[in-house]
Amino acid sequence: MMQIDRGIPAPVDTSRDGIFWRKYPLPDLQVGDSLFALGVAGQRLKMAAKNYKFKMQGTGWRYRSRMENGGTRVWRIS
């Protein structure tokens, strides 16, 4: 027989996708807001936005990105 336990917190998501986009405040972006990251961090920001868009599939969360000034800027557009 198995015992049911209550009140034990679930572990933090340590999957690559879970950590990857959580490094950036993407959930806090309002439509029209943007984030900028320099160099390699900019490419990671772009990938994080792509992963977050996939996670938010069906909610209308969309973004655009552009390389500028040695980094990448990501805008939330809807």
Protein backbone atom coordinates (compact mmCIF):
# COMPACT_ATOMS: atom_id res chain seq x y z
CA MET A 1 0.00 0.00 0.00
CA MET A 2 1.22 3.51 -0.81
CA GLN A 3 1.02 6.45 1.54
CA ILE A 4 -0.19 9.88 0.37
CA ASP A 5 1.85 12.75 1.80
CA ARG A 6 0.63 16.34 1.92
CA GLY A 7 2.48 19.62 2.40
CA ILE A 8 5.80 18.53 0.89
CA PRO A 9 6.98 21.20 -1.59
CA ALA A 10 7.75 20.11 -5.14
CA PRO A 11 11.38 20.45 -6.28
CA VAL A 12 12.42 23.43 -8.36
CA ASP A 13 12.31 22.76 -12.12
CA THR A 14 15.92 22.08 -13.12
CA SER A 15 15.25 21.13 -16.72
CA ARG A 16 17.18 23.12 -19.29
CA ASP A 17 14.06 24.85 -20.60
CA GLY A 18 12.84 25.69 -17.11
CA ILE A 19 16.04 27.42 -16.09
CA PHE A 20 16.86 28.92 -19.47
CA TRP A 21 14.02 31.37 -19.85
CA ARG A 22 13.62 32.02 -16.11
CA LYS A 23 17.02 33.71 -16.11
CA TYR A 24 15.37 36.64 -17.90
CA PRO A 25 12.27 38.60 -16.78
CA LEU A 26 10.28 37.59 -19.88
CA PRO A 27 7.04 36.97 -17.92
CA ASP A 28 7.22 40.58 -16.66
CA LEU A 29 7.31 42.14 -20.14
CA GLN A 30 4.23 44.08 -21.13
CA VAL A 31 3.35 44.61 -24.80
CA GLY A 32 5.81 47.21 -26.15
CA ASP A 33 8.50 46.52 -23.50
CA SER A 34 11.95 45.26 -24.48
CA LEU A 35 15.07 43.67 -22.98
CA PHE A 36 18.66 44.12 -24.11
CA ALA A 37 21.66 41.85 -23.46
CA LEU A 38 25.23 42.20 -24.73
CA GLY A 39 27.22 39.66 -26.73
CA VAL A 40 26.67 35.98 -26.08
CA ALA A 41 24.09 36.84 -23.42
CA GLY A 42 22.08 38.48 -26.22
CA GLN A 43 21.97 35.25 -28.19
CA ARG A 44 20.89 33.43 -25.03
CA LEU A 45 18.16 36.03 -24.50
CA LYS A 46 16.89 35.41 -28.04
CA MET A 47 16.80 31.64 -27.44
CA ALA A 48 15.10 32.16 -24.08
CA ALA A 49 12.39 34.25 -25.77
CA LYS A 50 11.91 31.50 -28.35
CA ASN A 51 11.57 28.87 -25.60
CA TYR A 52 9.21 31.08 -23.60
CA LYS A 53 7.04 31.65 -26.69
CA PHE A 54 6.76 27.87 -27.07
CA LYS A 55 5.86 27.52 -23.38
CA MET A 56 3.19 30.24 -23.73
CA GLN A 57 1.74 28.70 -26.90
CA GLY A 58 -1.95 29.54 -27.24
CA THR A 59 -1.75 32.66 -25.05
CA GLY A 60 -0.80 35.09 -27.84
CA TRP A 61 2.63 35.88 -26.35
CA ARG A 62 4.80 36.99 -29.30
CA TYR A 63 8.18 38.67 -29.63
CA ARG A 64 10.60 40.20 -32.12
CA SER A 65 14.37 40.44 -31.79
CA ARG A 66 17.15 42.43 -33.42
CA MET A 67 20.92 42.53 -33.06
CA GLU A 68 22.12 46.01 -32.13
CA ASN A 69 25.13 47.62 -30.43
CA GLY A 70 26.96 44.34 -29.87
CA GLY A 71 23.99 42.56 -28.35
CA THR A 72 20.39 41.53 -28.92
CA ARG A 73 17.17 43.35 -28.07
CA VAL A 74 13.90 41.42 -27.64
CA TRP A 75 10.50 43.17 -27.75
CA ARG A 76 7.21 41.74 -26.60
CA ILE A 77 4.75 42.56 -29.40
CA SER A 78 1.59 40.80 -28.16
